[in-house]
Amino acid sequence: MASFNKIILAGNLTRDPQLSYTPANTAVCKFGIATNHKWKDREGNAREEVCFVDCTVFGKAGETFNQYMSKGRSVLVEGRLKLDQWTTPEGDKRSKHEVIVDNFTFLGGGRSGDTNAAAVPATAGVSGGNYEVPPPTGDEIPF
């Protein structure tokens, strides 16, 4: 049976990116984005739903993302969904989805007062899936 795991999201960063490195010195950049869905209900009232998504980008692309992005900036990400599952110290089972980012494109211009905005190249789309080092295994991620 064939399968396909691809996701494309456009939204705003909910927090500043967090850059760390694995013991093998692979960059790991984690961030969150918020996406909005707006519609009108049957009575004609405007409705809005917000979805918060955690994302991770590896390698040089992660370093680039961390350098230019900050809370509130707009971005388009392409990648795949990954399900993380764990058990809390209390024995409760938990799970959540995250996006492993393969490509991203910075959207919009800089915000007023943002000193990094002028440094962002006009073609700031970066392919994170073309790095030489494979994504780290669970043993290499320092969290």
C-alpha atoms as a PDB file:
ATOM      1  CA  MET A   1       0.000   0.000   0.000  1.00  0.00           C
ATOM      2  CA  ALA A   2       1.372   3.411  -0.971  1.00  0.00           C
ATOM      3  CA  SER A   3       1.659   6.215   1.561  1.00  0.00           C
ATOM      4  CA  PHE A   4       2.351   9.919   1.328  1.00  0.00           C
ATOM      5  CA  ASN A   5       3.353  12.220   4.194  1.00  0.00           C
ATOM      6  CA  LYS A   6       3.611  15.862   3.105  1.00  0.00           C
ATOM      7  CA  ILE A   7       2.393  19.027   4.815  1.00  0.00           C
ATOM      8  CA  ILE A   8       2.518  22.672   3.762  1.00  0.00           C
ATOM      9  CA  LEU A   9       1.662  25.389   6.287  1.00  0.00           C
ATOM     10  CA  ALA A  10       1.830  29.179   6.255  1.00  0.00           C
ATOM     11  CA  GLY A  11       1.610  31.053   9.512  1.00  0.00           C
ATOM     12  CA  ASN A  12       3.315  33.235  12.086  1.00  0.00           C
ATOM     13  CA  LEU A  13       5.942  32.189  14.612  1.00  0.00           C
ATOM     14  CA  THR A  14       4.505  31.864  18.118  1.00  0.00           C
ATOM     15  CA  ARG A  15       7.905  32.174  19.788  1.00  0.00           C
ATOM     16  CA  ASP A  16      11.531  32.855  18.894  1.00  0.00           C
ATOM     17  CA  PRO A  17      13.299  29.834  17.368  1.00  0.00           C
ATOM     18  CA  GLN A  18      15.448  27.747  19.712  1.00  0.00           C
ATOM     19  CA  LEU A  19      18.730  26.495  18.254  1.00  0.00           C
ATOM     20  CA  SER A  20      20.659  23.599  19.775  1.00  0.00           C
ATOM     21  CA  TYR A  21      23.171  21.039  18.526  1.00  0.00           C
ATOM     22  CA  THR A  22      23.327  17.265  18.742  1.00  0.00           C
ATOM     23  CA  PRO A  23      26.482  15.548  20.055  1.00  0.00           C
ATOM     24  CA  ALA A  24      27.335  14.973  16.362  1.00  0.00           C
ATOM     25  CA  ASN A  25      27.197  18.804  15.905  1.00  0.00           C
ATOM     26  CA  THR A  26      24.019  18.804  13.780  1.00  0.00           C
ATOM     27  CA  ALA A  27      21.979  21.970  14.236  1.00  0.00           C
ATOM     28  CA  VAL A  28      18.420  21.470  15.538  1.00  0.00           C
ATOM     29  CA  CYS A  29      16.109  24.493  15.330  1.00  0.00           C
ATOM     30  CA  LYS A  30      12.698  24.229  17.023  1.00  0.00           C
ATOM     31  CA  PHE A  31       9.893  26.748  16.638  1.00  0.00           C
ATOM     32  CA  GLY A  32       6.130  26.998  16.677  1.00  0.00           C
ATOM     33  CA  ILE A  33       3.752  28.509  14.149  1.00  0.00           C
ATOM     34  CA  ALA A  34       0.098  29.476  14.330  1.00  0.00           C
ATOM     35  CA  THR A  35      -2.227  29.076  11.357  1.00  0.00           C
ATOM     36  CA  ASN A  36      -5.717  30.554  11.094  1.00  0.00           C
ATOM     37  CA  HIS A  37      -8.871  29.266   9.421  1.00  0.00           C
ATOM     38  CA  LYS A  38     -11.676  31.813   8.946  1.00  0.00           C
ATOM     39  CA  TRP A  39     -15.240  31.066   7.828  1.00  0.00           C
ATOM     40  CA  LYS A  40     -18.839  32.130   8.280  1.00  0.00           C
ATOM     41  CA  ASP A  41     -21.301  29.895  10.107  1.00  0.00           C
ATOM     42  CA  ARG A  42     -24.875  29.247   8.949  1.00  0.00           C
ATOM     43  CA  GLU A  43     -26.079  32.406  10.654  1.00  0.00           C
ATOM     44  CA  GLY A  44     -23.460  34.495   8.821  1.00  0.00           C
ATOM     45  CA  ASN A  45     -21.284  35.090  11.880  1.00  0.00           C
ATOM     46  CA  ALA A  46     -17.540  35.321  11.274  1.00  0.00           C
ATOM     47  CA  ARG A  47     -15.693  32.418  12.933  1.00  0.00           C
ATOM     48  CA  GLU A  48     -12.000  31.740  13.358  1.00  0.00           C
ATOM     49  CA  GLU A  49     -10.016  28.697  14.416  1.00  0.00           C
ATOM     50  CA  VAL A  50      -6.315  28.827  15.291  1.00  0.00           C
ATOM     51  CA  CYS A  51      -4.030  25.803  15.052  1.00  0.00           C
ATOM     52  CA  PHE A  52      -0.658  25.789  16.842  1.00  0.00           C
ATOM     53  CA  VAL A  53       2.011  23.539  15.322  1.00  0.00           C
ATOM     54  CA  ASP A  54       5.500  22.669  16.588  1.00  0.00           C
ATOM     55  CA  CYS A  55       8.202  22.437  13.904  1.00  0.00           C
ATOM     56  CA  THR A  56      11.833  21.298  13.700  1.00  0.00           C
ATOM     57  CA  VAL A  57      14.409  22.020  10.991  1.00  0.00           C
ATOM     58  CA  PHE A  58      17.873  20.426  10.944  1.00  0.00           C
ATOM     59  CA  GLY A  59      21.345  21.318   9.670  1.00  0.00           C
ATOM     60  CA  LYS A  60      22.461  24.538   7.981  1.00  0.00           C
ATOM     61  CA  ALA A  61      18.824  25.372   7.199  1.00  0.00           C
ATOM     62  CA  GLY A  62      18.120  25.370  10.942  1.00  0.00           C
ATOM     63  CA  GLU A  63      20.961  27.804  11.561  1.00  0.00           C
ATOM     64  CA  THR A  64      19.672  30.074   8.782  1.00  0.00           C
ATOM     65  CA  PHE A  65      16.130  29.920  10.141  1.00  0.00           C
ATOM     66  CA  ASN A  66      17.331  30.829  13.634  1.00  0.00           C
ATOM     67  CA  GLN A  67      19.399  33.730  12.292  1.00  0.00           C
ATOM     68  CA  TYR A  68      16.582  35.497  10.440  1.00  0.00           C
ATOM     69  CA  MET A  69      13.319  34.530  12.135  1.00  0.00           C
ATOM     70  CA  SER A  70      11.704  35.759  15.343  1.00  0.00           C
ATOM     71  CA  LYS A  71       8.336  35.678  17.082  1.00  0.00           C
ATOM     72  CA  GLY A  72       5.531  37.111  14.927  1.00  0.00           C
ATOM     73  CA  ARG A  73       7.316  36.722  11.558  1.00  0.00           C
ATOM     74  CA  SER A  74       5.488  34.924   8.734  1.00  0.00           C
ATOM     75  CA  VAL A  75       6.822  31.739   7.169  1.00  0.00           C
ATOM     76  CA  LEU A  76       5.746  28.972   4.799  1.00  0.00           C
ATOM     77  CA  VAL A  77       7.027  25.516   5.742  1.00  0.00           C
ATOM     78  CA  GLU A  78       6.970  22.237   3.830  1.00  0.00           C
ATOM     79  CA  GLY A  79       7.749  18.960   5.474  1.00  0.00           C
ATOM     80  CA  ARG A  80       6.373  15.765   6.954  1.00  0.00           C
ATOM     81  CA  LEU A  81       4.344  14.970  10.047  1.00  0.00           C
ATOM     82  CA  LYS A  82       6.010  13.022  12.830  1.00  0.00           C
ATOM     83  CA  LEU A  83       4.213  11.571  15.851  1.00  0.00           C
ATOM     84  CA  ASP A  84       6.102  11.766  19.146  1.00  0.00           C
ATOM     85  CA  GLN A  85       4.945   9.455  21.936  1.00  0.00           C
ATOM     86  CA  TRP A  86       6.186   9.272  25.517  1.00  0.00           C
ATOM     87  CA  THR A  87       5.192   8.312  29.032  1.00  0.00           C
ATOM     88  CA  THR A  88       5.281  10.894  31.809  1.00  0.00           C
ATOM     89  CA  PRO A  89       7.010  10.146  35.122  1.00  0.00           C
ATOM     90  CA  GLU A  90       3.504   9.645  36.527  1.00  0.00           C
ATOM     91  CA  GLY A  91       2.869   6.882  33.968  1.00  0.00           C
ATOM     92  CA  ASP A  92       0.502   8.826  31.682  1.00  0.00           C
ATOM     93  CA  LYS A  93       0.885   8.211  27.948  1.00  0.00           C
ATOM     94  CA  ARG A  94       1.252  11.365  25.861  1.00  0.00           C
ATOM     95  CA  SER A  95       1.602  12.095  22.165  1.00  0.00           C
ATOM     96  CA  LYS A  96       1.803  15.051  19.807  1.00  0.00           C
ATOM     97  CA  HIS A  97       2.461  15.730  16.152  1.00  0.00           C
ATOM     98  CA  GLU A  98       5.259  17.944  14.901  1.00  0.00           C
ATOM     99  CA  VAL A  99       6.413  18.980  11.432  1.00  0.00           C
ATOM    100  CA  ILE A 100       9.902  17.965  10.346  1.00  0.00           C
ATOM    101  CA  VAL A 101      10.683  20.812   7.954  1.00  0.00           C
ATOM    102  CA  ASP A 102      12.269  20.031   4.582  1.00  0.00           C
ATOM    103  CA  ASN A 103      11.871  23.495   3.002  1.00  0.00           C
ATOM    104  CA  PHE A 104      10.799  26.925   4.160  1.00  0.00           C
ATOM    105  CA  THR A 105      10.247  30.368   2.684  1.00  0.00           C
ATOM    106  CA  PHE A 106      10.244  33.610   4.631  1.00  0.00           C
ATOM    107  CA  LEU A 107       7.036  35.535   3.919  1.00  0.00           C
ATOM    108  CA  GLY A 108       6.226  39.234   4.118  1.00  0.00           C
ATOM    109  CA  GLY A 109       8.507  42.118   4.852  1.00  0.00           C
ATOM    110  CA  GLY A 110      10.175  43.050   8.071  1.00  0.00           C
ATOM    111  CA  ARG A 111       8.256  44.531  10.972  1.00  0.00           C
ATOM    112  CA  SER A 112       8.977  48.117  11.960  1.00  0.00           C
ATOM    113  CA  GLY A 113      11.785  48.248  14.464  1.00  0.00           C
ATOM    114  CA  ASP A 114      13.115  44.837  13.382  1.00  0.00           C
ATOM    115  CA  THR A 115      16.843  45.282  12.759  1.00  0.00           C
ATOM    116  CA  ASN A 116      17.197  41.836  11.164  1.00  0.00           C
ATOM    117  CA  ALA A 117      14.537  42.511   8.499  1.00  0.00           C
ATOM    118  CA  ALA A 118      16.947  44.287   6.152  1.00  0.00           C
ATOM    119  CA  ALA A 119      19.395  41.390   6.346  1.00  0.00           C
ATOM    120  CA  VAL A 120      16.894  38.804   5.090  1.00  0.00           C
ATOM    121  CA  PRO A 121      17.576  38.014   1.419  1.00  0.00           C
ATOM    122  CA  ALA A 122      14.639  38.508  -0.960  1.00  0.00           C
ATOM    123  CA  THR A 123      14.916  34.860  -1.950  1.00  0.00           C
ATOM    124  CA  ALA A 124      15.278  33.490   1.541  1.00  0.00           C
ATOM    125  CA  GLY A 125      13.659  30.152   0.757  1.00  0.00           C
ATOM    126  CA  VAL A 126      15.942  27.422   2.004  1.00  0.00           C
ATOM    127  CA  SER A 127      15.844  23.729   1.421  1.00  0.00           C
ATOM    128  CA  GLY A 128      16.439  21.959   4.684  1.00  0.00           C
ATOM    129  CA  GLY A 129      16.151  18.498   3.167  1.00  0.00           C
ATOM    130  CA  ASN A 130      19.401  18.634   1.225  1.00  0.00           C
ATOM    131  CA  TYR A 131      21.867  18.542   4.096  1.00  0.00           C
ATOM    132  CA  GLU A 132      24.616  15.935   4.108  1.00  0.00           C
ATOM    133  CA  VAL A 133      24.026  14.617   7.629  1.00  0.00           C
ATOM    134  CA  PRO A 134      20.875  12.520   8.156  1.00  0.00           C
ATOM    135  CA  PRO A 135      18.446  13.719  10.847  1.00  0.00           C
ATOM    136  CA  PRO A 136      19.637  12.712  14.310  1.00  0.00           C
ATOM    137  CA  THR A 137      18.218   9.685  16.011  1.00  0.00           C
ATOM    138  CA  GLY A 138      16.398   9.912  19.333  1.00  0.00           C
ATOM    139  CA  ASP A 139      19.675   9.228  21.178  1.00  0.00           C
ATOM    140  CA  GLU A 140      21.364  12.314  19.671  1.00  0.00           C
ATOM    141  CA  ILE A 141      18.676  14.893  20.445  1.00  0.00           C
ATOM    142  CA  PRO A 142      19.685  16.708  23.670  1.00  0.00           C
ATOM    143  CA  PHE A 143      16.223  17.089  25.265  1.00  0.00           C
END
